[in-house]
Protein backbone atom coordinates (compact mmCIF):
# COMPACT_ATOMS: atom_id res chain seq x y z
CA MET A 1 79.18 149.03 141.91
CA ALA A 2 78.41 150.00 138.35
CA THR A 3 75.16 151.80 137.63
CA SER A 4 73.13 150.90 134.59
CA ARG A 5 72.77 153.26 131.70
CA THR A 6 69.54 155.11 131.00
CA PHE A 7 66.80 152.65 130.05
CA GLY A 8 64.39 154.64 127.90
CA PRO A 9 64.11 157.06 125.02
CA GLU A 10 66.43 159.69 126.50
CA ARG A 11 70.05 158.60 126.36
CA GLU A 12 73.38 160.28 126.79
CA ALA A 13 76.04 160.20 124.09
CA GLU A 14 77.99 156.96 124.06
CA PRO A 15 81.17 157.49 126.15
CA ALA A 16 84.61 156.82 124.75
CA LYS A 17 86.21 153.52 125.62
CA GLU A 18 89.53 153.34 127.42
CA ALA A 19 92.14 150.63 127.98
CA ARG A 20 94.87 150.95 130.60
CA VAL A 21 97.63 148.53 131.56
CA VAL A 22 97.39 148.61 135.36
CA GLY A 23 99.95 145.98 136.27
CA SER A 24 101.58 142.67 135.46
CA GLU A 25 102.32 139.28 136.97
CA LEU A 26 104.84 136.57 136.32
CA VAL A 27 103.34 133.26 135.23
CA ASP A 28 105.86 130.43 134.88
CA THR A 29 108.57 131.97 132.65
CA TYR A 30 106.59 134.80 131.04
CA THR A 31 104.95 138.07 132.05
CA VAL A 32 101.19 138.60 131.83
CA TYR A 33 99.93 142.18 131.54
CA ILE A 34 96.71 143.22 133.30
CA ILE A 35 94.50 145.49 131.21
CA GLN A 36 91.59 147.47 132.63
CA VAL A 37 88.96 148.34 130.01
CA THR A 38 86.41 151.09 130.70
CA ASP A 39 83.14 151.55 128.81
CA GLY A 40 81.08 154.23 130.54
CA SER A 41 80.38 152.99 134.05
CA HIS A 42 81.31 149.42 133.18
CA GLU A 43 84.83 148.18 133.80
CA TRP A 44 86.49 144.80 133.37
CA THR A 45 89.97 143.33 133.29
CA VAL A 46 91.74 141.31 130.61
CA LYS A 47 95.08 139.52 130.87
CA HIS A 48 97.47 139.01 127.95
CA ARG A 49 101.14 138.17 127.49
CA TYR A 50 103.26 140.11 125.00
CA SER A 51 102.90 137.39 122.33
CA ASP A 52 99.12 138.02 122.33
CA PHE A 53 99.77 141.69 121.59
CA HIS A 54 102.11 140.66 118.79
CA ASP A 55 99.47 138.39 117.22
CA LEU A 56 96.87 141.16 117.45
CA HIS A 57 99.22 143.63 115.79
CA GLU A 58 100.02 141.27 112.93
CA LYS A 59 96.30 140.83 112.16
CA LEU A 60 95.58 144.56 112.32
CA VAL A 61 98.50 145.34 110.04
CA ALA A 62 97.21 142.83 107.52
CA GLU A 63 93.49 143.70 107.78
CA ARG A 64 93.47 147.41 108.63
CA LYS A 65 96.89 148.54 107.37
CA ILE A 66 97.94 150.15 110.64
CA ASP A 67 101.55 151.26 111.22
CA LYS A 68 103.65 148.15 111.73
CA ASN A 69 105.97 150.11 114.08
CA LEU A 70 103.15 151.05 116.45
CA LEU A 71 103.74 148.06 118.75
CA PRO A 72 106.76 148.25 121.15
CA PRO A 73 109.52 145.91 119.91
CA LYS A 74 110.07 142.42 121.28
CA LYS A 75 113.00 141.88 123.71
CA ILE A 76 114.87 138.60 124.07
CA ILE A 77 117.40 139.35 126.82
CA GLY A 78 116.06 140.49 130.18
CA LYS A 79 112.47 140.34 129.01
CA ASN A 80 111.20 139.73 132.53
CA SER A 81 113.33 142.35 134.28
CA ARG A 82 111.32 144.76 136.40
CA SER A 83 112.54 147.86 134.55
CA LEU A 84 111.66 146.41 131.13
CA VAL A 85 108.26 145.23 132.33
CA GLU A 86 107.38 148.64 133.75
CA LYS A 87 108.43 150.40 130.55
CA ARG A 88 106.51 147.89 128.45
CA GLU A 89 103.36 148.41 130.56
CA LYS A 90 103.40 152.11 129.64
CA ASP A 91 104.18 151.45 125.97
CA LEU A 92 101.44 148.83 125.61
CA GLU A 93 98.90 151.16 127.20
CA VAL A 94 99.80 153.87 124.66
CA TYR A 95 99.47 151.26 121.90
CA LEU A 96 95.94 150.27 122.99
CA GLN A 97 94.81 153.88 123.36
CA LYS A 98 95.98 154.66 119.82
CA LEU A 99 94.10 151.66 118.46
CA LEU A 100 90.85 152.70 120.16
CA ALA A 101 91.26 156.25 118.90
CA ALA A 102 91.89 154.98 115.37
CA PHE A 103 88.56 153.12 115.33
CA PRO A 104 86.09 155.36 117.20
CA GLY A 105 82.97 154.01 115.47
CA VAL A 106 83.10 150.27 114.92
CA THR A 107 85.87 148.42 116.70
CA PRO A 108 87.59 145.82 114.50
CA ARG A 109 86.49 142.31 115.39
CA VAL A 110 89.99 141.13 116.27
CA LEU A 111 90.57 144.10 118.60
CA GLY A 112 87.14 143.65 120.20
CA HIS A 113 87.87 140.01 120.99
CA PHE A 114 91.29 140.94 122.35
CA LEU A 115 89.63 143.35 124.82
CA HIS A 116 86.69 140.98 125.51
CA PHE A 117 84.08 143.26 124.01
CA HIS A 118 82.04 140.16 123.12
CA PHE A 119 81.64 139.51 126.85
CA TYR A 120 81.11 142.99 128.29
CA GLU A 121 80.50 145.68 125.62
CA ILE A 122 77.09 146.28 124.03
CA ASN A 123 78.10 146.18 120.36
CA GLY A 124 80.44 143.26 120.87
CA ILE A 125 77.82 141.25 122.79
CA THR A 126 75.10 141.74 120.18
CA ALA A 127 77.48 141.01 117.30
CA ALA A 128 78.55 137.73 118.94
CA LEU A 129 74.94 136.75 119.65
CA ALA A 130 73.83 137.60 116.12
CA GLU A 131 76.61 135.48 114.64
CA GLU A 132 75.73 132.55 116.91
CA LEU A 133 72.09 132.69 115.85
CA PHE A 134 73.03 133.11 112.19
CA GLU A 135 74.89 129.81 112.38
CA LYS A 136 72.71 127.82 114.83
CA GLY A 137 69.37 129.64 115.09
CA GLU A 138 67.36 127.40 112.79
CA GLN A 139 68.78 124.29 114.41
CA LEU A 140 67.86 125.57 117.90
CA LEU A 141 64.33 126.44 116.84
CA GLY A 142 63.84 123.12 115.11
CA ALA A 143 65.00 121.14 118.13
CA GLY A 144 62.45 122.92 120.35
CA GLU A 145 64.97 123.22 123.18
CA VAL A 146 65.21 125.90 125.85
CA PHE A 147 67.41 128.79 124.76
CA ALA A 148 69.53 130.20 127.60
CA ILE A 149 70.61 133.82 127.60
CA GLY A 150 72.01 136.18 130.22
CA PRO A 151 70.58 139.49 131.47
CA LEU A 152 73.68 141.27 130.14
CA GLN A 153 73.01 139.96 126.65
CA LEU A 154 69.36 141.06 126.79
CA TYR A 155 70.43 144.42 128.17
CA ALA A 156 72.85 144.81 125.25
CA VAL A 157 70.17 143.96 122.68
CA THR A 158 67.73 146.37 124.35
CA GLU A 159 70.33 149.15 124.33
CA GLN A 160 71.35 148.41 120.75
CA LEU A 161 67.76 148.68 119.54
CA GLN A 162 67.37 152.05 121.26
CA GLN A 163 70.53 153.51 119.71
CA GLY A 164 68.91 153.80 116.30
CA LYS A 165 72.05 152.65 114.51
CA PRO A 166 72.09 150.43 111.40
CA THR A 167 71.46 146.79 112.29
CA CYS A 168 74.74 145.83 110.61
CA ALA A 169 77.13 148.71 111.34
CA SER A 170 80.21 146.50 111.04
CA GLY A 171 79.42 145.51 107.46
CA ASP A 172 79.57 141.82 108.38
CA ALA A 173 76.22 140.23 107.48
CA LYS A 174 76.70 137.55 110.10
CA THR A 175 76.54 140.14 112.88
CA ASP A 176 73.33 141.78 111.66
CA LEU A 177 70.91 142.46 114.52
CA GLY A 178 68.15 141.11 112.30
CA HIS A 179 69.29 137.55 113.03
CA ILE A 180 68.49 138.14 116.70
CA LEU A 181 65.08 139.66 116.03
CA ASP A 182 64.09 136.88 113.65
CA PHE A 183 65.08 134.28 116.21
CA THR A 184 63.32 135.94 119.15
CA CYS A 185 60.09 136.30 117.18
CA ARG A 186 59.87 132.52 116.78
CA LEU A 187 61.43 131.24 120.00
CA LYS A 188 59.08 129.27 122.32
CA TYR A 189 61.27 128.33 125.28
CA LEU A 190 63.45 130.95 127.01
CA LYS A 191 65.70 130.84 130.08
CA VAL A 192 67.25 134.02 131.54
CA SER A 193 69.77 133.36 134.30
CA GLY A 194 71.71 136.11 136.04
CA THR A 195 74.70 135.83 138.35
CA GLU A 196 75.08 136.79 141.98
CA GLY A 197 77.72 139.46 142.44
CA PRO A 198 79.89 140.99 139.70
CA PHE A 199 79.77 139.33 136.29
CA GLY A 200 83.06 137.74 135.23
CA THR A 201 86.01 140.08 135.74
CA SER A 202 83.82 143.18 135.52
CA ASN A 203 82.07 145.45 137.98
CA ILE A 204 78.76 144.80 136.20
CA GLN A 205 75.97 143.68 138.53
CA GLU A 206 74.18 141.61 135.94
CA GLN A 207 71.16 140.86 138.11
CA LEU A 208 70.36 144.61 138.32
CA LEU A 209 70.43 145.36 134.60
CA PRO A 210 67.17 146.38 132.88
CA PHE A 211 66.04 144.56 129.76
CA ASP A 212 63.00 144.28 127.51
CA LEU A 213 61.38 140.95 126.60
CA SER A 214 58.84 142.38 124.18
CA ILE A 215 61.05 141.25 121.25
CA PHE A 216 59.85 137.70 122.01
CA LYS A 217 56.52 137.11 120.28
CA SER A 218 55.84 133.36 120.61
CA LEU A 219 56.96 132.33 124.07
CA HIS A 220 55.31 129.29 125.67
CA GLN A 221 57.73 128.88 128.57
CA VAL A 222 59.96 131.38 130.40
CA GLU A 223 62.41 130.77 133.24
CA ILE A 224 63.96 133.79 134.96
CA SER A 225 66.36 133.67 137.89
CA HIS A 226 68.67 136.13 139.66
CA CYS A 227 67.28 139.19 137.94
CA ASP A 228 65.52 142.23 139.37
CA ALA A 229 61.84 141.84 138.51
CA GLN A 230 61.35 145.59 138.78
CA HIS A 231 63.75 146.08 135.85
CA ILE A 232 62.14 143.51 133.54
CA ARG A 233 60.01 145.04 130.82
CA GLY A 234 57.85 143.50 128.13
CA LEU A 235 57.06 140.17 129.81
CA VAL A 236 53.35 140.96 129.73
CA ALA A 237 53.57 141.04 125.92
CA SER A 238 53.64 137.22 126.10
CA LYS A 239 50.25 136.93 127.84
CA PRO A 240 48.50 135.43 124.80
CA THR A 241 50.93 132.51 124.43
CA LEU A 242 52.80 131.94 127.70
CA ALA A 243 51.77 128.69 129.45
CA THR A 244 54.61 128.23 131.97
CA LEU A 245 56.39 130.99 133.88
CA SER A 246 59.13 130.67 136.48
CA VAL A 247 60.61 133.70 138.24
CA ARG A 248 63.01 132.80 141.07
CA PHE A 249 65.48 134.79 143.18
CA SER A 250 64.13 137.94 141.55
CA ALA A 251 60.88 139.32 143.01
CA THR A 252 59.65 140.99 146.19
CA SER A 253 55.95 140.74 145.28
CA MET A 254 53.63 138.90 142.92
CA LYS A 255 52.52 142.21 141.41
CA GLU A 256 56.03 142.91 140.12
CA VAL A 257 55.74 139.86 137.91
CA LEU A 258 52.05 139.56 137.04
CA VAL A 259 50.93 143.17 136.81
CA PRO A 260 53.94 145.54 136.72
CA GLU A 261 51.73 148.28 135.30
CA ALA A 262 49.57 148.29 138.46
CA SER A 263 51.82 150.93 140.02
CA GLU A 264 50.58 153.38 137.39
CA PHE A 265 46.91 153.09 138.43
CA ASP A 266 45.01 153.76 141.63
CA GLU A 267 42.40 151.08 140.95
CA TRP A 268 42.42 148.24 138.44
CA GLU A 269 40.40 145.15 137.67
CA PRO A 270 41.08 142.11 135.48
CA GLU A 271 39.49 141.99 132.09
CA GLY A 272 36.12 140.24 132.02
CA THR A 273 34.99 141.00 135.58
CA ALA A 274 31.92 142.99 136.55
CA LEU A 275 33.12 146.45 137.47
CA GLU A 276 32.01 147.89 140.79
CA GLY A 277 32.99 151.39 141.77
CA PRO A 278 35.61 153.62 140.14
CA VAL A 279 38.26 151.75 138.14
CA THR A 280 41.10 153.52 136.37
CA ALA A 281 42.32 150.50 134.36
CA VAL A 282 41.12 147.16 133.04
CA ILE A 283 44.07 144.80 132.68
CA PRO A 284 44.11 141.71 130.41
CA THR A 285 44.58 138.33 132.11
CA TRP A 286 47.31 135.77 131.47
CA GLN A 287 44.93 133.78 129.32
CA ALA A 288 47.24 130.83 128.58
CA LEU A 289 49.21 130.57 131.85
CA THR A 290 48.65 127.26 133.69
CA THR A 291 51.94 126.87 135.60
CA LEU A 292 53.56 129.59 137.75
CA ASP A 293 56.70 129.15 139.84
CA LEU A 294 57.52 132.09 142.13
CA SER A 295 59.59 130.10 144.61
CA HIS A 296 62.77 131.37 146.29
CA ASN A 297 61.75 135.01 146.29
CA SER A 298 60.98 137.57 148.99
CA ILE A 299 57.20 137.54 148.60
CA SER A 300 55.32 138.27 151.84
CA GLU A 301 51.71 138.00 150.66
CA ILE A 302 49.49 136.42 148.02
CA ASP A 303 48.09 139.66 146.65
CA GLU A 304 45.16 140.41 144.37
CA SER A 305 47.29 140.00 141.24
CA VAL A 306 46.26 136.32 141.27
CA LYS A 307 42.99 137.51 139.75
CA LEU A 308 44.95 137.84 136.50
CA ILE A 309 45.89 134.12 136.37
CA PRO A 310 42.49 132.38 136.45
CA LYS A 311 43.66 129.29 134.54
CA ILE A 312 46.54 128.42 136.87
CA GLU A 313 46.71 124.71 137.76
CA PHE A 314 50.22 124.52 139.28
CA LEU A 315 51.38 127.26 141.67
CA ASP A 316 54.70 127.18 143.53
CA LEU A 317 55.22 129.84 146.22
CA SER A 318 57.71 127.87 148.31
CA HIS A 319 60.69 129.46 150.05
CA ASN A 320 59.13 132.89 150.51
CA GLY A 321 57.90 134.80 153.56
CA LEU A 322 54.14 134.15 153.43
CA LEU A 323 52.30 134.57 156.75
CA VAL A 324 48.75 133.73 155.63
CA VAL A 325 47.00 132.03 152.72
CA ASP A 326 44.83 134.54 150.93
CA ASN A 327 43.16 135.31 147.59
CA LEU A 328 43.48 131.76 146.25
CA GLN A 329 39.71 131.47 145.97
CA HIS A 330 40.11 133.22 142.61
CA LEU A 331 42.02 130.23 141.22
CA TYR A 332 39.22 127.81 140.37
CA ASN A 333 41.48 125.48 138.38
CA LEU A 334 44.26 125.16 140.96
CA VAL A 335 45.10 121.51 141.70
CA HIS A 336 48.77 121.62 142.78
CA LEU A 337 49.96 124.15 145.38
CA ASP A 338 53.38 124.39 147.02
CA LEU A 339 53.53 126.65 150.09
CA SER A 340 56.48 124.92 151.71
CA TYR A 341 59.11 126.78 153.71
CA ASN A 342 57.16 129.92 154.43
CA LYS A 343 55.96 131.29 157.78
CA LEU A 344 52.43 129.88 157.90
CA SER A 345 51.07 129.18 161.39
CA SER A 346 47.35 128.69 160.72
CA LEU A 347 45.24 126.87 158.13
CA GLU A 348 41.81 127.97 159.34
CA GLY A 349 39.28 128.24 156.53
CA LEU A 350 41.70 126.84 153.97
CA HIS A 351 38.99 124.72 152.36
CA THR A 352 37.14 127.89 151.33
CA LYS A 353 40.11 128.90 149.17
CA LEU A 354 41.26 125.52 147.82
CA GLY A 355 38.16 123.74 146.62
CA ASN A 356 39.73 121.37 144.06
CA ILE A 357 43.27 120.96 145.36
CA LYS A 358 44.90 117.54 144.86
CA THR A 359 48.52 118.15 145.90
CA LEU A 360 49.38 120.44 148.81
CA ASN A 361 52.90 120.98 150.14
CA LEU A 362 53.02 122.70 153.54
CA ALA A 363 56.43 121.44 154.66
CA GLY A 364 58.74 123.72 156.60
CA ASN A 365 56.18 126.06 158.13
CA LEU A 366 55.13 126.84 161.73
CA LEU A 367 52.01 124.66 161.84
CA GLU A 368 50.82 123.13 165.12
CA SER A 369 47.22 122.41 164.08
CA LEU A 370 45.73 120.74 161.00
CA SER A 371 42.13 121.73 161.68
CA GLY A 372 41.85 123.70 158.44
CA LEU A 373 42.45 120.64 156.27
CA HIS A 374 39.45 118.50 157.22
CA LYS A 375 37.27 119.56 154.26
CA LEU A 376 39.81 119.27 151.44
CA TYR A 377 37.95 116.26 150.07
CA SER A 378 39.83 116.09 146.75
CA LEU A 379 43.30 116.09 148.37
CA VAL A 380 45.53 113.20 147.27
CA ASN A 381 49.06 114.24 148.31
CA LEU A 382 49.90 116.15 151.49
CA ASP A 383 53.37 117.09 152.74
CA LEU A 384 53.55 118.32 156.34
CA ARG A 385 57.15 117.52 157.22
CA ASP A 386 59.28 119.98 159.21
CA ASN A 387 56.42 121.60 161.14
CA ARG A 388 55.47 121.75 164.85
CA ILE A 389 52.70 119.14 165.05
CA GLU A 390 52.78 117.43 168.47
CA GLN A 391 49.39 115.82 169.10
CA MET A 392 48.18 112.65 167.36
CA GLU A 393 44.65 114.09 167.57
CA GLU A 394 45.64 116.59 164.89
CA VAL A 395 45.98 113.74 162.38
CA ARG A 396 42.27 113.03 162.78
CA SER A 397 41.63 116.22 160.80
CA ILE A 398 42.99 114.49 157.71
CA GLY A 399 42.10 110.90 158.60
CA SER A 400 38.64 111.18 157.09
CA LEU A 401 39.74 112.68 153.75
CA PRO A 402 38.47 110.15 151.20
CA CYS A 403 41.11 110.60 148.47
CA LEU A 404 44.28 111.09 150.50
CA GLU A 405 47.00 108.61 149.47
CA HIS A 406 50.38 110.16 150.35
CA VAL A 407 51.14 111.90 153.66
CA SER A 408 54.45 113.04 155.11
CA LEU A 409 54.83 114.01 158.77
CA LEU A 410 58.58 113.55 159.17
CA ASN A 411 60.49 115.86 161.51
CA ASN A 412 57.45 116.86 163.52
CA PRO A 413 57.41 116.37 167.33
CA LEU A 414 54.80 113.59 167.01
CA SER A 415 57.09 111.57 164.72
CA ILE A 416 59.14 110.48 167.76
CA ILE A 417 56.12 109.00 169.57
CA PRO A 418 56.45 105.21 170.09
CA ASP A 419 54.64 103.29 167.35
CA TYR A 420 54.22 106.58 165.49
CA ARG A 421 53.55 105.01 162.10
CA THR A 422 50.82 102.61 163.19
CA LYS A 423 49.14 105.24 165.36
CA VAL A 424 49.03 107.66 162.42
CA LEU A 425 47.78 105.00 160.02
CA ALA A 426 45.07 104.00 162.49
CA GLN A 427 43.57 107.48 162.12
CA PHE A 428 42.63 106.57 158.54
CA GLY A 429 40.38 103.68 159.62
CA GLU A 430 39.46 101.32 156.81
CA ARG A 431 41.65 103.29 154.37
CA ALA A 432 44.91 102.66 156.26
CA SER A 433 46.14 100.21 153.62
CA GLU A 434 45.66 102.86 150.91
CA VAL A 435 47.85 105.49 152.60
CA CYS A 436 51.60 105.81 152.03
CA LEU A 437 53.16 107.51 155.07
CA ASP A 438 56.49 109.37 154.87
CA ASP A 439 57.29 107.99 151.42
CA THR A 440 57.34 104.46 152.85
CA VAL A 441 54.90 101.77 151.75
CA THR A 442 52.85 100.38 154.62
CA THR A 443 53.88 96.81 155.56
CA GLU A 444 51.59 93.87 156.30
CA LYS A 445 52.77 93.85 159.90
CA GLU A 446 51.87 97.51 160.31
CA LEU A 447 48.42 96.90 158.87
CA ASP A 448 47.86 94.01 161.32
CA THR A 449 48.83 96.28 164.20
CA VAL A 450 46.53 98.98 162.87
CA GLU A 451 43.65 96.48 162.85
CA VAL A 452 44.37 95.59 166.48
CA LEU A 453 44.42 99.28 167.46
CA LYS A 454 41.15 99.82 165.67
CA ALA A 455 39.57 96.81 167.44
CA ILE A 456 40.69 98.00 170.85
CA GLN A 457 39.35 101.47 170.12
CA LYS A 458 36.04 100.01 169.03
CA ALA A 459 35.83 97.90 172.17
CA LYS A 460 36.46 100.96 174.31
CA GLU A 461 33.69 102.78 172.51
CA VAL A 462 31.27 99.91 173.09
CA LYS A 463 32.20 99.69 176.75
CA SER A 464 31.67 103.39 177.10
CA LYS A 465 28.16 103.01 175.68
CA LEU A 466 27.33 100.07 177.94
CA SER A 467 28.55 101.85 181.04
CA ASN A 468 26.53 104.96 180.22
CA PRO A 469 23.22 104.76 182.14
CA GLU A 470 21.42 106.84 179.53
CA LYS A 471 22.40 104.51 176.69
CA ARG A 472 22.48 101.19 178.50
CA GLY A 473 18.73 100.65 178.45
CA GLY A 474 18.68 100.69 174.67
CA GLU A 475 21.73 98.44 174.46
CA ASP A 476 20.30 95.93 176.96
CA SER A 477 17.21 95.40 174.82
CA ARG A 478 19.45 94.30 171.98
CA LEU A 479 21.85 92.28 174.15
CA SER A 480 19.00 90.29 175.78
CA ALA A 481 18.49 88.46 172.54
CA ALA A 482 22.01 87.06 172.78
CA PRO A 483 22.40 84.30 175.42
CA CYS A 484 25.40 84.66 177.71
CA ILE A 485 28.08 81.98 177.71
CA ARG A 486 28.07 80.03 180.96
CA PRO A 487 30.48 77.35 182.19
CA SER A 488 29.06 73.90 181.46
CA SER A 489 29.99 70.66 179.82
CA SER A 490 27.98 71.50 176.73
CA PRO A 491 29.51 73.48 173.92
CA PRO A 492 29.22 77.21 174.54
CA THR A 493 26.81 79.28 172.57
CA VAL A 494 28.34 82.18 170.72
CA ALA A 495 26.47 85.45 170.89
CA PRO A 496 25.40 86.75 167.51
CA ALA A 497 26.95 89.96 166.29
CA SER A 498 24.99 93.18 166.54
CA ALA A 499 25.49 96.70 165.26
CA SER A 500 26.88 97.78 168.62
CA LEU A 501 29.42 95.00 169.02
CA PRO A 502 32.87 94.62 167.48
CA GLN A 503 32.99 92.41 164.41
CA PRO A 504 35.69 89.79 163.75
CA ILE A 505 38.84 91.25 162.27
CA LEU A 506 40.60 89.58 159.37
CA SER A 507 44.30 90.42 159.33
CA ASN A 508 46.28 90.84 156.13
CA GLN A 509 47.95 87.49 156.81
CA GLY A 510 44.66 85.60 156.90
CA ASN A 511 44.53 85.29 160.74
CA ARG A 512 41.54 86.28 162.82
CA VAL A 513 41.57 88.02 166.17
CA CYS A 514 38.81 88.25 168.74
CA ILE A 515 37.58 90.92 171.16
CA LEU A 516 35.97 89.75 174.43
CA LEU A 517 34.07 92.50 176.23
CA LEU A 518 33.51 92.20 180.00
CA VAL A 519 30.10 93.41 181.10
CA GLU A 520 30.88 93.48 184.82
CA PRO A 521 34.63 93.05 185.15
CA HIS A 522 34.79 94.05 188.81
CA SER A 523 32.10 91.75 190.24
CA PRO A 524 33.34 89.94 193.38
CA ALA A 525 31.60 86.72 192.35
CA TRP A 526 31.80 84.63 189.23
CA THR A 527 29.73 86.55 186.74
CA SER A 528 28.60 85.55 183.31
CA TRP A 529 30.00 87.77 180.61
CA LEU A 530 29.36 88.31 176.99
CA GLY A 531 31.96 86.78 174.74
CA TRP A 532 32.36 85.94 171.12
CA GLY A 533 35.28 85.06 168.95
CA TRP A 534 36.64 83.54 165.82
CA GLY A 535 39.75 81.54 165.12
CA ARG A 536 41.26 80.64 161.76
CA GLY A 537 38.46 78.10 161.24
CA ALA A 538 34.75 78.74 161.42
CA ASN A 539 34.06 76.20 164.23
CA THR A 540 36.19 77.64 167.01
CA SER A 541 34.31 79.19 169.92
CA PHE A 542 35.24 80.53 173.32
CA GLN A 543 33.88 80.82 176.80
CA GLY A 544 35.09 82.67 179.81
CA GLN A 545 34.38 84.05 183.25
CA THR A 546 35.61 86.88 185.40
CA GLN A 547 36.33 87.16 189.06
CA GLY A 548 37.69 90.26 190.69
CA GLY A 549 38.58 91.77 187.34
CA TRP A 550 40.35 88.64 186.08
CA CYS A 551 39.55 87.36 182.63
CA LEU A 552 39.50 83.55 182.31
CA LEU A 553 39.30 82.05 178.81
CA GLN A 554 38.63 78.54 177.55
CA ALA A 555 38.49 77.32 173.96
CA GLY A 556 35.44 75.42 172.76
CA PRO A 557 35.45 71.76 171.66
CA HIS A 558 36.37 72.62 168.11
CA GLY A 559 39.36 74.76 169.05
CA GLY A 560 41.70 71.90 169.84
CA THR A 561 43.68 73.88 172.43
CA ARG A 562 43.03 75.41 175.78
CA GLY A 563 44.40 78.77 176.70
CA ARG A 564 44.14 80.49 180.02
CA GLY A 565 45.28 84.00 180.72
CA ALA A 566 44.56 86.92 182.97
CA TRP A 567 44.24 90.66 182.54
CA PRO A 568 43.65 92.45 185.88
CA ASP A 569 41.08 95.24 185.91
CA ALA A 570 40.52 94.88 182.20
CA SER A 571 37.46 95.88 180.26
CA CYS A 572 38.26 93.84 177.18
CA CYS A 573 40.36 90.88 176.20
CA LEU A 574 42.01 90.26 172.86
CA LEU A 575 42.35 86.72 171.55
CA GLY A 576 44.66 85.42 168.87
CA GLU A 577 43.96 82.59 166.46
CA ASP A 578 45.22 80.06 169.03
CA SER A 579 42.54 81.22 171.50
CA ARG A 580 45.17 82.63 173.82
CA LEU A 581 44.83 85.95 175.52
CA LEU A 582 46.76 88.65 173.70
C-alpha cells in the first residue's frame, strides 16, 4: 500500500518519475502494451497500443521538436509475433524514459495525458482541475449546485500549494492554480467522496490521503465520505458559515470531526461558557451548524464535543456503535435525532436529555423496555422497529404521549401477537384514531375494535372497584340512586350514567354498543342486576337477569327485536346495536 507524502512544511525533494513497459496482451488483432508509471510511492498502470505511441510521437515532434527517429519503427509483417512484441516492449520503455528525462520540470500536456498524469500525478491533477474551473467555474457557482471532488484532487491541490512553485508553471493560463483558489473561496456546497480500496489502476489509497479544506471560505454545506477524518485539516475554518455537515464512513469519534484540535490540550471549554477550574484552551463553537450527519461511522460514544454545536436541530448518529445516550442535554435546539442501528439497550432518563425532541429513531437497537420515553411530551414521530420489545405493557409508556402521531414497532417480538395492531392502538386511548402505526393508516374497522377493547377494559376496572370492599361502600351510595331493572310487563327503567360507569360508545360507523355489568353474577337465584344500553336509536332499552352466572338479555318495547344469549361466569356483557349479546 502506498504511503502518503509528508503533509506539512517539511518536504523531501520531488522524486523523479519513471515509466516502464511491464508486459503486453493481445486484444482482438492488435497488441496492447502495459505501462507502469511511478511517481514517488504512487504507482499506476496505463495501457496503450502502438498506434497510440505513434500519435503521441507525432504531436511531440510538431510541438516540442523532438527527434522524429526516437520512436521504434512500425512493423507490418509479424507485428504480433512474440519476439517482435518483446523487443518492442524494451524499445518503447526506452522511448518513454527519454521523454521523461527530456522534460524534467513541466511535463508536456500531451505526454501527461498519455501517462494519465491528470488522474494520478499532483501537477497533472491540479492542471486538469484548474482548466475545468476556468471553463465551468462561474456556471457552477451560479447554479448553486453541489460541487463534487475527490480526496486525491484535494490532496494534489494541498501539495501544490505547499511546493511554493509558480501558480502557472506550464505557461498555459487555463491551468493556473488561481482558478481553483478563486472558485474555492466562493463555493457554498461541497462534496468529498473517497473510494474504498486502491484508486483506479493505482496503488493509491485515496481514503487515507491528507488534505486541507481551509481554502474554502464560504461553505454552507459539506458532505464527506470514505475519508480518514484524522487526516482532514481546515474544516474548522468553516465554522462561521457552515450550516450542514455530513461525515460518513470516515470517523472513529465525534471529536475527530468537531474539535480536532482537542488532542493538543489537556482541558478545553467551548467559547461563551463560564469557566470553572484550569482550562488550557477556549474553542469557538460551530455557530451556524444546524444539521449534523455522522452516520455510518465507528463512533462508540456521544462525547463532550457536542458542547460545540449548541444550535444543532437535526442530528444523525445512526449505524455506529453507541452503547448509551449521553451529553445531549447540551443541545437545547435538537428536534430530530436518529440513533438507529446502534447498540442501545436502555433509555432510562432519556427525557432529561431530550426535552424538545419531535422525531426520534431508535430502530435496530437492543431495546426491551420503553420506560424512558414516557415523558417525551413533544414527541411526534417514533421508530422502534427491529428491537426486542416483547410485552404489550411496554407500549403504555408511550400511549400517554399527547403529540405522538407516527409509531413503528415492526419486527419486534410483540408484533406477532394476535390482534397486535388493535392492542397497540388501544394503548393510546382516545387518541387511537390520531396514531399511524407501522406506516399504515388505521382503518375504521380497527378503530371499532379498539373502542370495544377500551369498553371491556373500562368494565373490568368498574367491576374491580365494585368488588373491592374498601371502595364498594362509596360506590353503593351512588348506585342506590339508580333503580335496578326488574322483569315486569312495564317498560324497563334505564339506570342513569354516573362517573363510575361505562358510557355508551359510538363507533366510527355510527353504531352504538352497550356494556352490561353484572353486580352478582354467581348468585344461585334470580338476582336483579344493573344494566343500561343504547342502540342506534335513542329509545332502545334493555333488561336482563342472571342465574348461576348466566346473562339473560331482553330488548325493551322500542327495540323491535328480542335477543337472548348467555355468557357463563361472565362479569360483563357486550351488546350490539341489535340488542344481541356480543
